[in-house]
Amino acid sequence: MKLLKTLLASAVAVSAMPALAYEAGDFMIKAGIINVNPKEDNIDLGGLGLSDAQVADDTQLGLTLTYMVMPQVGVEVLAATPFKHAVTLNGDRVAETKHLPPTVSAQYYPMNPDSAIQPYVGLGVNHTFFYDEEDTAGLGTKHLKKSWGLAYSVGVNYNIDDHFMANAALWKMDIDSEIEGGTLDGIDVEIDPLVFMVGAGYKF
């Protein structure tokens, strides 16, 4: 009888423990602060006899939605509120632009699906489109072309319980555009940023 009571107590305790496992069909939605930091010397104006211009970084609200195809494979969509970047030349602001960089990635989670710590790597495609360009220096710039490129990512989820998690993620994105119109027409813009996000999520 004592053994039976012990087994029953153990079964109740196990059933009460949170089930952290990732399963096919799970959705994860994560939100947090996201920063887009373009690489250095991202606009080459050497051919015009000018110093290199620079696209500044910006921080916004980031959002990801992940669907688990299998316990260790997911598909993630990255979105954010619009980023606004200043373009400077010799320290002076000469232009501004807004952009959205939606990205779709396949992810692999190498750890056991029951683990509370879930690192992952991802490979995907980024589509960036620019709008609301402002030519504050009168250079005649009209527009920045859309960009398609690869996106590489790493991240980690820390599962607090079966639903809530903390998250940190890093993307390296290939974002290359071209200036249309004005003095800088045809100049390549290689933003190629590091994108970092830290936040929290919910699995359902």
N, C-alpha and C. Protein backbone atom coordinates (compact mmCIF):
# COMPACT_ATOMS: atom_id res chain seq x y z
N MET A 1 0.83 -1.22 0.00
CA MET A 1 0.00 0.00 0.00
C MET A 1 0.87 1.27 0.00
N LYS A 2 1.94 1.22 0.83
CA LYS A 2 2.83 2.38 0.87
C LYS A 2 3.47 2.63 -0.49
N LEU A 3 3.87 1.55 -1.18
CA LEU A 3 4.47 1.68 -2.50
C LEU A 3 3.48 2.26 -3.48
N LEU A 4 2.20 1.84 -3.41
CA LEU A 4 1.16 2.35 -4.30
C LEU A 4 0.94 3.83 -4.08
N LYS A 5 0.93 4.24 -2.83
CA LYS A 5 0.75 5.67 -2.52
C LYS A 5 1.92 6.49 -3.07
N THR A 6 3.12 5.93 -2.94
CA THR A 6 4.31 6.64 -3.45
C THR A 6 4.24 6.81 -4.97
N LEU A 7 3.84 5.75 -5.67
CA LEU A 7 3.71 5.81 -7.12
C LEU A 7 2.64 6.79 -7.55
N LEU A 8 1.51 6.81 -6.84
CA LEU A 8 0.43 7.75 -7.17
C LEU A 8 0.89 9.19 -6.95
N ALA A 9 1.61 9.42 -5.83
CA ALA A 9 2.11 10.77 -5.55
C ALA A 9 3.09 11.22 -6.62
N SER A 10 3.94 10.31 -7.06
CA SER A 10 4.91 10.64 -8.11
C SER A 10 4.20 10.96 -9.42
N ALA A 11 3.18 10.20 -9.75
CA ALA A 11 2.43 10.44 -10.99
C ALA A 11 1.75 11.79 -10.97
N VAL A 12 1.18 12.15 -9.80
CA VAL A 12 0.52 13.46 -9.67
C VAL A 12 1.53 14.58 -9.82
N ALA A 13 2.72 14.39 -9.20
CA ALA A 13 3.76 15.42 -9.27
C ALA A 13 4.24 15.61 -10.70
N VAL A 14 4.44 14.50 -11.43
CA VAL A 14 4.89 14.60 -12.83
C VAL A 14 3.84 15.27 -13.69
N SER A 15 2.57 14.92 -13.47
CA SER A 15 1.50 15.51 -14.27
C SER A 15 1.36 16.99 -14.02
N ALA A 16 1.78 17.44 -12.82
CA ALA A 16 1.67 18.86 -12.49
C ALA A 16 2.82 19.68 -13.03
N MET A 17 3.91 19.03 -13.45
CA MET A 17 5.07 19.74 -13.98
C MET A 17 4.74 20.34 -15.34
N PRO A 18 5.27 21.54 -15.64
CA PRO A 18 5.00 22.15 -16.93
C PRO A 18 5.61 21.35 -18.08
N ALA A 19 4.86 21.17 -19.14
CA ALA A 19 5.35 20.45 -20.32
C ALA A 19 5.99 21.45 -21.26
N LEU A 20 7.33 21.48 -21.26
CA LEU A 20 8.06 22.49 -22.02
C LEU A 20 8.27 22.10 -23.47
N ALA A 21 7.95 20.88 -23.84
CA ALA A 21 8.31 20.35 -25.14
C ALA A 21 7.71 21.16 -26.29
N TYR A 22 8.55 21.34 -27.34
CA TYR A 22 8.06 21.91 -28.59
C TYR A 22 7.44 20.78 -29.41
N GLU A 23 6.31 21.05 -30.02
CA GLU A 23 5.62 20.05 -30.81
C GLU A 23 5.21 20.63 -32.15
N ALA A 24 5.06 19.75 -33.14
CA ALA A 24 4.57 20.18 -34.44
C ALA A 24 3.19 20.81 -34.27
N GLY A 25 3.01 21.96 -34.90
CA GLY A 25 1.74 22.66 -34.79
C GLY A 25 1.75 23.79 -33.77
N ASP A 26 2.80 23.88 -32.95
CA ASP A 26 2.91 24.99 -31.98
C ASP A 26 3.15 26.31 -32.71
N PHE A 27 2.59 27.38 -32.16
CA PHE A 27 2.88 28.74 -32.60
C PHE A 27 3.60 29.47 -31.48
N MET A 28 4.56 30.30 -31.84
CA MET A 28 5.23 31.18 -30.87
C MET A 28 5.16 32.60 -31.38
N ILE A 29 4.68 33.51 -30.56
CA ILE A 29 4.67 34.93 -30.92
C ILE A 29 5.56 35.65 -29.92
N LYS A 30 6.52 36.43 -30.44
CA LYS A 30 7.48 37.12 -29.59
C LYS A 30 7.54 38.60 -29.96
N ALA A 31 7.66 39.44 -28.96
CA ALA A 31 7.73 40.89 -29.18
C ALA A 31 8.84 41.46 -28.31
N GLY A 32 9.46 42.54 -28.79
CA GLY A 32 10.53 43.16 -28.02
C GLY A 32 11.12 44.36 -28.72
N ILE A 33 12.24 44.81 -28.21
CA ILE A 33 12.97 45.93 -28.80
C ILE A 33 13.93 45.39 -29.85
N ILE A 34 13.90 46.01 -31.05
CA ILE A 34 14.74 45.55 -32.15
C ILE A 34 15.53 46.72 -32.72
N ASN A 35 16.81 46.48 -32.97
CA ASN A 35 17.70 47.51 -33.50
C ASN A 35 18.29 47.07 -34.83
N VAL A 36 18.24 47.96 -35.83
CA VAL A 36 18.87 47.73 -37.13
C VAL A 36 20.10 48.61 -37.20
N ASN A 37 21.27 47.98 -37.28
CA ASN A 37 22.54 48.70 -37.26
C ASN A 37 23.29 48.46 -38.57
N PRO A 38 23.21 49.40 -39.54
CA PRO A 38 23.89 49.22 -40.82
C PRO A 38 25.40 49.13 -40.67
N LYS A 39 26.03 48.44 -41.62
CA LYS A 39 27.49 48.32 -41.57
C LYS A 39 28.13 49.68 -41.82
N GLU A 40 29.40 49.80 -41.48
CA GLU A 40 30.14 51.04 -41.71
C GLU A 40 30.35 51.27 -43.21
N ASP A 41 30.50 52.55 -43.58
CA ASP A 41 30.78 52.93 -44.98
C ASP A 41 29.80 52.28 -45.94
N ASN A 42 28.50 52.46 -45.67
CA ASN A 42 27.50 51.77 -46.47
C ASN A 42 27.09 52.48 -47.74
N ILE A 43 27.55 53.72 -47.95
CA ILE A 43 27.31 54.42 -49.21
C ILE A 43 28.66 54.92 -49.72
N ASP A 44 29.10 54.42 -50.86
CA ASP A 44 30.41 54.75 -51.40
C ASP A 44 30.29 55.92 -52.38
N LEU A 45 30.79 57.08 -51.94
CA LEU A 45 30.74 58.27 -52.80
C LEU A 45 32.14 58.66 -53.29
N GLY A 46 33.08 57.71 -53.20
CA GLY A 46 34.45 58.01 -53.60
C GLY A 46 34.56 58.43 -55.05
N GLY A 47 33.71 57.89 -55.91
CA GLY A 47 33.75 58.23 -57.33
C GLY A 47 33.34 59.66 -57.61
N LEU A 48 32.67 60.29 -56.63
CA LEU A 48 32.26 61.68 -56.79
C LEU A 48 33.22 62.64 -56.09
N GLY A 49 34.29 62.09 -55.54
CA GLY A 49 35.24 62.94 -54.82
C GLY A 49 34.72 63.40 -53.48
N LEU A 50 33.77 62.67 -52.90
CA LEU A 50 33.19 63.04 -51.61
C LEU A 50 33.52 61.98 -50.57
N SER A 51 33.44 62.37 -49.32
CA SER A 51 33.61 61.39 -48.25
C SER A 51 32.41 60.45 -48.23
N ASP A 52 32.61 59.26 -47.66
CA ASP A 52 31.52 58.29 -47.59
C ASP A 52 30.39 58.81 -46.70
N ALA A 53 29.18 58.62 -47.18
CA ALA A 53 28.01 58.93 -46.37
C ALA A 53 27.71 57.74 -45.49
N GLN A 54 26.83 57.94 -44.52
CA GLN A 54 26.53 56.88 -43.57
C GLN A 54 25.04 56.85 -43.27
N VAL A 55 24.47 55.62 -43.27
CA VAL A 55 23.09 55.42 -42.86
C VAL A 55 23.11 55.06 -41.38
N ALA A 56 22.42 55.84 -40.54
CA ALA A 56 22.44 55.64 -39.10
C ALA A 56 21.53 54.48 -38.69
N ASP A 57 21.73 53.99 -37.46
CA ASP A 57 20.90 52.89 -36.96
C ASP A 57 19.58 53.43 -36.41
N ASP A 58 18.66 52.50 -36.09
CA ASP A 58 17.37 52.89 -35.51
C ASP A 58 16.82 51.72 -34.71
N THR A 59 16.03 52.04 -33.68
CA THR A 59 15.44 51.03 -32.80
C THR A 59 13.93 51.16 -32.82
N GLN A 60 13.24 50.03 -32.94
CA GLN A 60 11.79 50.02 -33.01
C GLN A 60 11.23 48.84 -32.23
N LEU A 61 9.92 48.62 -32.34
CA LEU A 61 9.26 47.46 -31.75
C LEU A 61 9.29 46.32 -32.75
N GLY A 62 9.86 45.18 -32.36
CA GLY A 62 9.95 44.02 -33.23
C GLY A 62 8.93 42.96 -32.87
N LEU A 63 8.57 42.15 -33.86
CA LEU A 63 7.58 41.09 -33.67
C LEU A 63 7.95 39.90 -34.53
N THR A 64 7.93 38.69 -33.95
CA THR A 64 8.15 37.48 -34.74
C THR A 64 7.02 36.50 -34.47
N LEU A 65 6.69 35.74 -35.49
CA LEU A 65 5.71 34.66 -35.38
C LEU A 65 6.35 33.40 -35.93
N THR A 66 6.40 32.34 -35.11
CA THR A 66 7.04 31.09 -35.51
C THR A 66 6.02 29.96 -35.48
N TYR A 67 6.03 29.15 -36.54
CA TYR A 67 5.20 27.94 -36.60
C TYR A 67 6.12 26.74 -36.62
N MET A 68 5.92 25.82 -35.68
CA MET A 68 6.76 24.63 -35.60
C MET A 68 6.23 23.56 -36.55
N VAL A 69 6.98 23.31 -37.61
CA VAL A 69 6.62 22.28 -38.59
C VAL A 69 6.86 20.91 -38.00
N MET A 70 7.97 20.79 -37.26
CA MET A 70 8.33 19.57 -36.52
C MET A 70 8.87 20.02 -35.17
N PRO A 71 9.07 19.11 -34.20
CA PRO A 71 9.56 19.53 -32.90
C PRO A 71 10.86 20.32 -32.92
N GLN A 72 11.69 20.12 -33.95
CA GLN A 72 12.97 20.83 -34.00
C GLN A 72 13.12 21.71 -35.25
N VAL A 73 12.06 21.91 -35.99
CA VAL A 73 12.09 22.74 -37.19
C VAL A 73 10.91 23.71 -37.18
N GLY A 74 11.21 25.00 -37.37
CA GLY A 74 10.17 26.01 -37.39
C GLY A 74 10.32 26.95 -38.56
N VAL A 75 9.26 27.70 -38.86
CA VAL A 75 9.28 28.74 -39.87
C VAL A 75 8.91 30.05 -39.18
N GLU A 76 9.77 31.05 -39.31
CA GLU A 76 9.60 32.32 -38.61
C GLU A 76 9.36 33.47 -39.58
N VAL A 77 8.46 34.36 -39.21
CA VAL A 77 8.23 35.62 -39.92
C VAL A 77 8.62 36.77 -38.99
N LEU A 78 9.53 37.62 -39.45
CA LEU A 78 9.97 38.78 -38.67
C LEU A 78 9.32 40.04 -39.23
N ALA A 79 8.76 40.85 -38.35
CA ALA A 79 8.17 42.13 -38.72
C ALA A 79 8.54 43.17 -37.66
N ALA A 80 8.26 44.44 -37.94
CA ALA A 80 8.59 45.50 -36.99
C ALA A 80 7.82 46.76 -37.36
N THR A 81 7.75 47.69 -36.42
CA THR A 81 7.25 49.01 -36.77
C THR A 81 8.28 49.67 -37.69
N PRO A 82 7.88 50.62 -38.54
CA PRO A 82 8.79 51.17 -39.56
C PRO A 82 10.06 51.78 -38.96
N PHE A 83 11.18 51.44 -39.58
CA PHE A 83 12.46 52.02 -39.18
C PHE A 83 12.67 53.34 -39.92
N LYS A 84 13.25 54.32 -39.22
CA LYS A 84 13.54 55.61 -39.82
C LYS A 84 15.04 55.87 -39.68
N HIS A 85 15.72 56.03 -40.83
CA HIS A 85 17.17 56.20 -40.82
C HIS A 85 17.56 57.57 -41.36
N ALA A 86 18.48 58.21 -40.66
CA ALA A 86 19.08 59.44 -41.17
C ALA A 86 20.32 59.09 -42.00
N VAL A 87 20.53 59.83 -43.08
CA VAL A 87 21.72 59.67 -43.91
C VAL A 87 22.58 60.91 -43.72
N THR A 88 23.82 60.71 -43.28
CA THR A 88 24.70 61.85 -43.00
C THR A 88 25.89 61.87 -43.96
N LEU A 89 26.39 63.06 -44.22
CA LEU A 89 27.57 63.27 -45.06
C LEU A 89 28.45 64.28 -44.35
N ASN A 90 29.66 63.84 -43.97
CA ASN A 90 30.56 64.68 -43.18
C ASN A 90 29.88 65.17 -41.90
N GLY A 91 29.06 64.31 -41.31
CA GLY A 91 28.41 64.65 -40.06
C GLY A 91 27.12 65.43 -40.20
N ASP A 92 26.78 65.87 -41.41
CA ASP A 92 25.56 66.64 -41.64
C ASP A 92 24.47 65.74 -42.21
N ARG A 93 23.25 65.92 -41.72
CA ARG A 93 22.13 65.14 -42.23
C ARG A 93 21.75 65.64 -43.61
N VAL A 94 21.75 64.72 -44.61
CA VAL A 94 21.43 65.10 -45.98
C VAL A 94 20.16 64.43 -46.48
N ALA A 95 19.70 63.39 -45.78
CA ALA A 95 18.50 62.70 -46.22
C ALA A 95 17.95 61.85 -45.09
N GLU A 96 16.68 61.44 -45.26
CA GLU A 96 16.05 60.51 -44.34
C GLU A 96 15.22 59.52 -45.15
N THR A 97 15.06 58.33 -44.62
CA THR A 97 14.21 57.35 -45.28
C THR A 97 13.59 56.43 -44.24
N LYS A 98 12.46 55.86 -44.57
CA LYS A 98 11.83 54.84 -43.74
C LYS A 98 11.87 53.53 -44.51
N HIS A 99 11.89 52.43 -43.77
CA HIS A 99 11.85 51.14 -44.46
C HIS A 99 11.23 50.08 -43.57
N LEU A 100 10.74 49.03 -44.21
CA LEU A 100 10.25 47.84 -43.54
C LEU A 100 10.99 46.64 -44.11
N PRO A 101 11.51 45.76 -43.23
CA PRO A 101 12.32 44.62 -43.70
C PRO A 101 11.70 43.26 -43.37
N PRO A 102 10.48 42.94 -43.82
CA PRO A 102 9.92 41.63 -43.50
C PRO A 102 10.84 40.50 -43.95
N THR A 103 10.98 39.49 -43.08
CA THR A 103 11.91 38.39 -43.33
C THR A 103 11.26 37.06 -42.96
N VAL A 104 11.41 36.07 -43.82
CA VAL A 104 10.89 34.73 -43.57
C VAL A 104 12.08 33.78 -43.50
N SER A 105 12.15 32.99 -42.41
CA SER A 105 13.30 32.10 -42.21
C SER A 105 12.86 30.70 -41.79
N ALA A 106 13.63 29.70 -42.22
CA ALA A 106 13.51 28.35 -41.68
C ALA A 106 14.49 28.24 -40.51
N GLN A 107 14.04 27.63 -39.41
CA GLN A 107 14.87 27.55 -38.21
C GLN A 107 15.08 26.09 -37.79
N TYR A 108 16.25 25.84 -37.21
CA TYR A 108 16.54 24.52 -36.67
C TYR A 108 16.89 24.65 -35.19
N TYR A 109 16.23 23.84 -34.35
CA TYR A 109 16.45 23.82 -32.91
C TYR A 109 17.18 22.52 -32.56
N PRO A 110 18.50 22.56 -32.26
CA PRO A 110 19.26 21.34 -32.08
C PRO A 110 19.03 20.62 -30.74
N MET A 111 18.52 21.33 -29.74
CA MET A 111 18.35 20.73 -28.43
C MET A 111 17.14 19.79 -28.41
N ASN A 112 17.12 18.92 -27.39
CA ASN A 112 15.95 18.09 -27.16
C ASN A 112 14.72 18.98 -26.97
N PRO A 113 13.59 18.67 -27.61
CA PRO A 113 12.41 19.53 -27.51
C PRO A 113 11.93 19.78 -26.08
N ASP A 114 12.34 18.91 -25.11
CA ASP A 114 11.94 19.09 -23.71
C ASP A 114 12.81 20.10 -22.96
N SER A 115 13.91 20.53 -23.55
CA SER A 115 14.84 21.42 -22.86
C SER A 115 14.23 22.81 -22.64
N ALA A 116 14.50 23.39 -21.48
CA ALA A 116 14.01 24.74 -21.19
C ALA A 116 14.76 25.79 -22.01
N ILE A 117 16.03 25.52 -22.32
CA ILE A 117 16.84 26.43 -23.14
C ILE A 117 16.85 25.91 -24.57
N GLN A 118 16.42 26.75 -25.50
CA GLN A 118 16.28 26.33 -26.89
C GLN A 118 17.02 27.29 -27.82
N PRO A 119 18.33 27.04 -28.07
CA PRO A 119 19.03 27.82 -29.10
C PRO A 119 18.56 27.39 -30.48
N TYR A 120 18.74 28.27 -31.46
CA TYR A 120 18.35 27.93 -32.82
C TYR A 120 19.17 28.72 -33.82
N VAL A 121 19.22 28.20 -35.04
CA VAL A 121 19.86 28.90 -36.16
C VAL A 121 18.82 28.97 -37.28
N GLY A 122 18.97 29.98 -38.14
CA GLY A 122 17.99 30.15 -39.21
C GLY A 122 18.60 30.68 -40.49
N LEU A 123 17.94 30.40 -41.58
CA LEU A 123 18.32 30.91 -42.90
C LEU A 123 17.04 31.31 -43.61
N GLY A 124 17.03 32.54 -44.16
CA GLY A 124 15.80 32.99 -44.78
C GLY A 124 16.02 34.03 -45.86
N VAL A 125 14.92 34.66 -46.25
CA VAL A 125 14.91 35.67 -47.30
C VAL A 125 14.33 36.96 -46.73
N ASN A 126 15.01 38.05 -47.02
CA ASN A 126 14.58 39.38 -46.58
C ASN A 126 14.12 40.20 -47.77
N HIS A 127 13.01 40.91 -47.60
CA HIS A 127 12.52 41.85 -48.61
C HIS A 127 12.36 43.21 -47.94
N THR A 128 13.17 44.16 -48.36
CA THR A 128 13.14 45.50 -47.76
C THR A 128 12.64 46.51 -48.78
N PHE A 129 11.65 47.30 -48.37
CA PHE A 129 11.20 48.38 -49.25
C PHE A 129 11.26 49.70 -48.50
N PHE A 130 11.67 50.74 -49.23
CA PHE A 130 11.89 52.06 -48.68
C PHE A 130 10.76 53.00 -49.10
N TYR A 131 10.45 53.98 -48.24
CA TYR A 131 9.40 54.94 -48.57
C TYR A 131 9.60 56.21 -47.73
N ASP A 132 8.83 57.25 -48.07
CA ASP A 132 8.92 58.54 -47.37
C ASP A 132 10.34 59.09 -47.33
N GLU A 133 11.05 58.96 -48.46
CA GLU A 133 12.39 59.53 -48.53
C GLU A 133 12.32 61.06 -48.48
N GLU A 134 13.24 61.66 -47.73
CA GLU A 134 13.32 63.12 -47.64
C GLU A 134 14.72 63.57 -48.04
N ASP A 135 14.81 64.42 -49.05
CA ASP A 135 16.08 64.95 -49.54
C ASP A 135 16.30 66.30 -48.88
N THR A 136 16.87 66.30 -47.67
CA THR A 136 17.02 67.54 -46.90
C THR A 136 18.17 68.42 -47.39
N ALA A 137 19.04 67.87 -48.26
CA ALA A 137 20.18 68.65 -48.75
C ALA A 137 19.98 69.15 -50.18
N GLY A 138 18.83 68.86 -50.79
CA GLY A 138 18.58 69.31 -52.15
C GLY A 138 19.43 68.63 -53.19
N LEU A 139 19.72 67.32 -52.99
CA LEU A 139 20.54 66.58 -53.95
C LEU A 139 19.72 66.01 -55.10
N GLY A 140 18.42 66.14 -55.02
CA GLY A 140 17.56 65.66 -56.09
C GLY A 140 17.22 64.18 -56.00
N THR A 141 17.57 63.54 -54.90
CA THR A 141 17.29 62.11 -54.72
C THR A 141 15.78 61.87 -54.68
N LYS A 142 15.33 60.89 -55.45
CA LYS A 142 13.90 60.60 -55.54
C LYS A 142 13.49 59.36 -54.74
N HIS A 143 14.31 58.31 -54.81
CA HIS A 143 13.84 57.05 -54.25
C HIS A 143 15.00 56.09 -54.04
N LEU A 144 14.79 55.10 -53.16
CA LEU A 144 15.70 53.97 -52.99
C LEU A 144 15.00 52.71 -53.47
N LYS A 145 15.68 51.94 -54.30
CA LYS A 145 15.08 50.73 -54.85
C LYS A 145 14.85 49.67 -53.77
N LYS A 146 13.87 48.80 -54.01
CA LYS A 146 13.61 47.68 -53.12
C LYS A 146 14.79 46.72 -53.13
N SER A 147 14.86 45.91 -52.07
CA SER A 147 15.97 44.98 -51.94
C SER A 147 15.46 43.58 -51.58
N TRP A 148 16.07 42.57 -52.23
CA TRP A 148 15.89 41.17 -51.85
C TRP A 148 17.24 40.62 -51.45
N GLY A 149 17.30 39.84 -50.38
CA GLY A 149 18.58 39.27 -49.98
C GLY A 149 18.41 38.17 -48.94
N LEU A 150 19.50 37.47 -48.67
CA LEU A 150 19.48 36.42 -47.67
C LEU A 150 19.55 37.00 -46.26
N ALA A 151 19.06 36.22 -45.30
CA ALA A 151 19.13 36.61 -43.89
C ALA A 151 19.59 35.39 -43.08
N TYR A 152 20.64 35.58 -42.29
CA TYR A 152 21.17 34.53 -41.43
C TYR A 152 20.85 34.90 -39.98
N SER A 153 20.45 33.93 -39.18
CA SER A 153 20.05 34.27 -37.82
C SER A 153 20.47 33.21 -36.81
N VAL A 154 20.66 33.69 -35.58
CA VAL A 154 20.86 32.82 -34.42
C VAL A 154 20.03 33.41 -33.29
N GLY A 155 19.61 32.55 -32.38
CA GLY A 155 18.83 33.05 -31.26
C GLY A 155 18.70 32.01 -30.18
N VAL A 156 18.05 32.38 -29.10
CA VAL A 156 17.81 31.44 -28.01
C VAL A 156 16.51 31.81 -27.31
N ASN A 157 15.70 30.80 -27.04
CA ASN A 157 14.51 30.94 -26.21
C ASN A 157 14.81 30.32 -24.85
N TYR A 158 14.39 31.00 -23.79
CA TYR A 158 14.42 30.39 -22.46
C TYR A 158 12.97 30.21 -22.02
N ASN A 159 12.52 28.96 -21.97
CA ASN A 159 11.13 28.67 -21.66
C ASN A 159 10.90 28.74 -20.15
N ILE A 160 10.16 29.75 -19.73
CA ILE A 160 9.86 29.95 -18.31
C ILE A 160 8.87 28.89 -17.84
N ASP A 161 7.87 28.62 -18.65
CA ASP A 161 6.93 27.53 -18.41
C ASP A 161 6.44 27.04 -19.77
N ASP A 162 5.32 26.35 -19.80
CA ASP A 162 4.85 25.76 -21.05
C ASP A 162 4.41 26.81 -22.07
N HIS A 163 4.18 28.05 -21.62
CA HIS A 163 3.67 29.09 -22.53
C HIS A 163 4.61 30.28 -22.68
N PHE A 164 5.17 30.77 -21.58
CA PHE A 164 5.93 32.02 -21.61
C PHE A 164 7.43 31.76 -21.76
N MET A 165 8.10 32.67 -22.46
CA MET A 165 9.53 32.53 -22.72
C MET A 165 10.20 33.90 -22.82
N ALA A 166 11.51 33.91 -22.56
CA ALA A 166 12.36 35.07 -22.88
C ALA A 166 13.12 34.74 -24.15
N ASN A 167 13.50 35.76 -24.90
CA ASN A 167 14.13 35.53 -26.20
C ASN A 167 15.18 36.59 -26.51
N ALA A 168 16.25 36.16 -27.16
CA ALA A 168 17.24 37.07 -27.75
C ALA A 168 17.60 36.51 -29.11
N ALA A 169 17.72 37.39 -30.12
CA ALA A 169 17.99 36.93 -31.48
C ALA A 169 18.85 37.93 -32.22
N LEU A 170 19.64 37.41 -33.17
CA LEU A 170 20.53 38.23 -33.99
C LEU A 170 20.41 37.79 -35.44
N TRP A 171 20.21 38.76 -36.35
CA TRP A 171 20.16 38.49 -37.78
C TRP A 171 21.27 39.26 -38.48
N LYS A 172 21.84 38.67 -39.51
CA LYS A 172 22.71 39.37 -40.45
C LYS A 172 21.97 39.39 -41.78
N MET A 173 21.63 40.58 -42.26
CA MET A 173 20.79 40.70 -43.45
C MET A 173 21.55 41.31 -44.62
N ASP A 174 21.28 40.81 -45.80
CA ASP A 174 21.85 41.34 -47.04
C ASP A 174 20.83 42.32 -47.62
N ILE A 175 21.04 43.62 -47.38
CA ILE A 175 20.14 44.66 -47.87
C ILE A 175 20.94 45.61 -48.76
N ASP A 176 20.79 45.48 -50.07
CA ASP A 176 21.49 46.32 -51.04
C ASP A 176 20.46 47.06 -51.89
N SER A 177 20.63 48.38 -51.97
CA SER A 177 19.69 49.21 -52.73
C SER A 177 20.48 50.11 -53.69
N GLU A 178 19.74 50.98 -54.36
CA GLU A 178 20.36 51.91 -55.30
C GLU A 178 19.57 53.21 -55.29
N ILE A 179 20.30 54.32 -55.29
CA ILE A 179 19.67 55.64 -55.29
C ILE A 179 19.17 55.97 -56.69
N GLU A 180 17.95 56.49 -56.77
CA GLU A 180 17.37 56.93 -58.04
C GLU A 180 17.14 58.42 -58.02
N GLY A 181 17.66 59.10 -59.04
CA GLY A 181 17.41 60.53 -59.19
C GLY A 181 18.48 61.41 -58.57
N GLY A 182 18.67 62.59 -59.17
CA GLY A 182 19.54 63.60 -58.60
C GLY A 182 21.02 63.34 -58.78
N THR A 183 21.83 64.07 -57.99
CA THR A 183 23.28 64.01 -58.09
C THR A 183 23.82 62.62 -57.81
N LEU A 184 23.15 61.87 -56.94
CA LEU A 184 23.64 60.56 -56.53
C LEU A 184 22.98 59.41 -57.28
N ASP A 185 22.32 59.70 -58.39
CA ASP A 185 21.61 58.67 -59.15
C ASP A 185 22.55 57.51 -59.51
N GLY A 186 22.10 56.28 -59.23
CA GLY A 186 22.88 55.11 -59.56
C GLY A 186 23.87 54.67 -58.50
N ILE A 187 24.02 55.45 -57.43
CA ILE A 187 24.95 55.09 -56.36
C ILE A 187 24.40 53.91 -55.57
N ASP A 188 25.25 52.90 -55.32
CA ASP A 188 24.84 51.73 -54.54
C ASP A 188 24.80 52.04 -53.05
N VAL A 189 23.81 51.48 -52.39
CA VAL A 189 23.67 51.61 -50.94
C VAL A 189 23.69 50.19 -50.36
N GLU A 190 24.77 49.83 -49.71
CA GLU A 190 24.92 48.49 -49.13
C GLU A 190 24.74 48.61 -47.62
N ILE A 191 23.50 48.44 -47.17
CA ILE A 191 23.21 48.61 -45.74
C ILE A 191 23.68 47.41 -44.93
N ASP A 192 23.35 46.20 -45.39
CA ASP A 192 23.83 44.94 -44.81
C ASP A 192 23.93 45.00 -43.27
N PRO A 193 22.81 45.21 -42.58
CA PRO A 193 22.88 45.48 -41.14
C PRO A 193 22.96 44.21 -40.28
N LEU A 194 23.40 44.41 -39.05
CA LEU A 194 23.16 43.48 -37.97
C LEU A 194 21.86 43.91 -37.29
N VAL A 195 20.98 42.96 -37.06
CA VAL A 195 19.69 43.25 -36.45
C VAL A 195 19.60 42.46 -35.15
N PHE A 196 19.39 43.17 -34.04
CA PHE A 196 19.36 42.51 -32.73
C PHE A 196 18.03 42.77 -32.06
N MET A 197 17.45 41.71 -31.48
CA MET A 197 16.16 41.83 -30.80
C MET A 197 16.21 41.10 -29.47
N VAL A 198 15.65 41.71 -28.44
CA VAL A 198 15.51 41.07 -27.15
C VAL A 198 14.07 41.31 -26.67
N GLY A 199 13.41 40.25 -26.19
CA GLY A 199 12.03 40.40 -25.81
C GLY A 199 11.48 39.18 -25.10
N ALA A 200 10.19 39.02 -25.16
CA ALA A 200 9.50 37.90 -24.51
C ALA A 200 8.48 37.33 -25.47
N GLY A 201 8.05 36.08 -25.20
CA GLY A 201 7.13 35.44 -26.12
C GLY A 201 6.12 34.54 -25.42
N TYR A 202 5.19 34.04 -26.23
CA TYR A 202 4.12 33.17 -25.74
C TYR A 202 3.93 32.05 -26.74
N LYS A 203 3.89 30.82 -26.26
CA LYS A 203 3.70 29.63 -27.11
C LYS A 203 2.28 29.09 -26.90
N PHE A 204 1.62 28.76 -28.01
CA PHE A 204 0.26 28.21 -27.90
C PHE A 204 0.03 27.18 -29.00
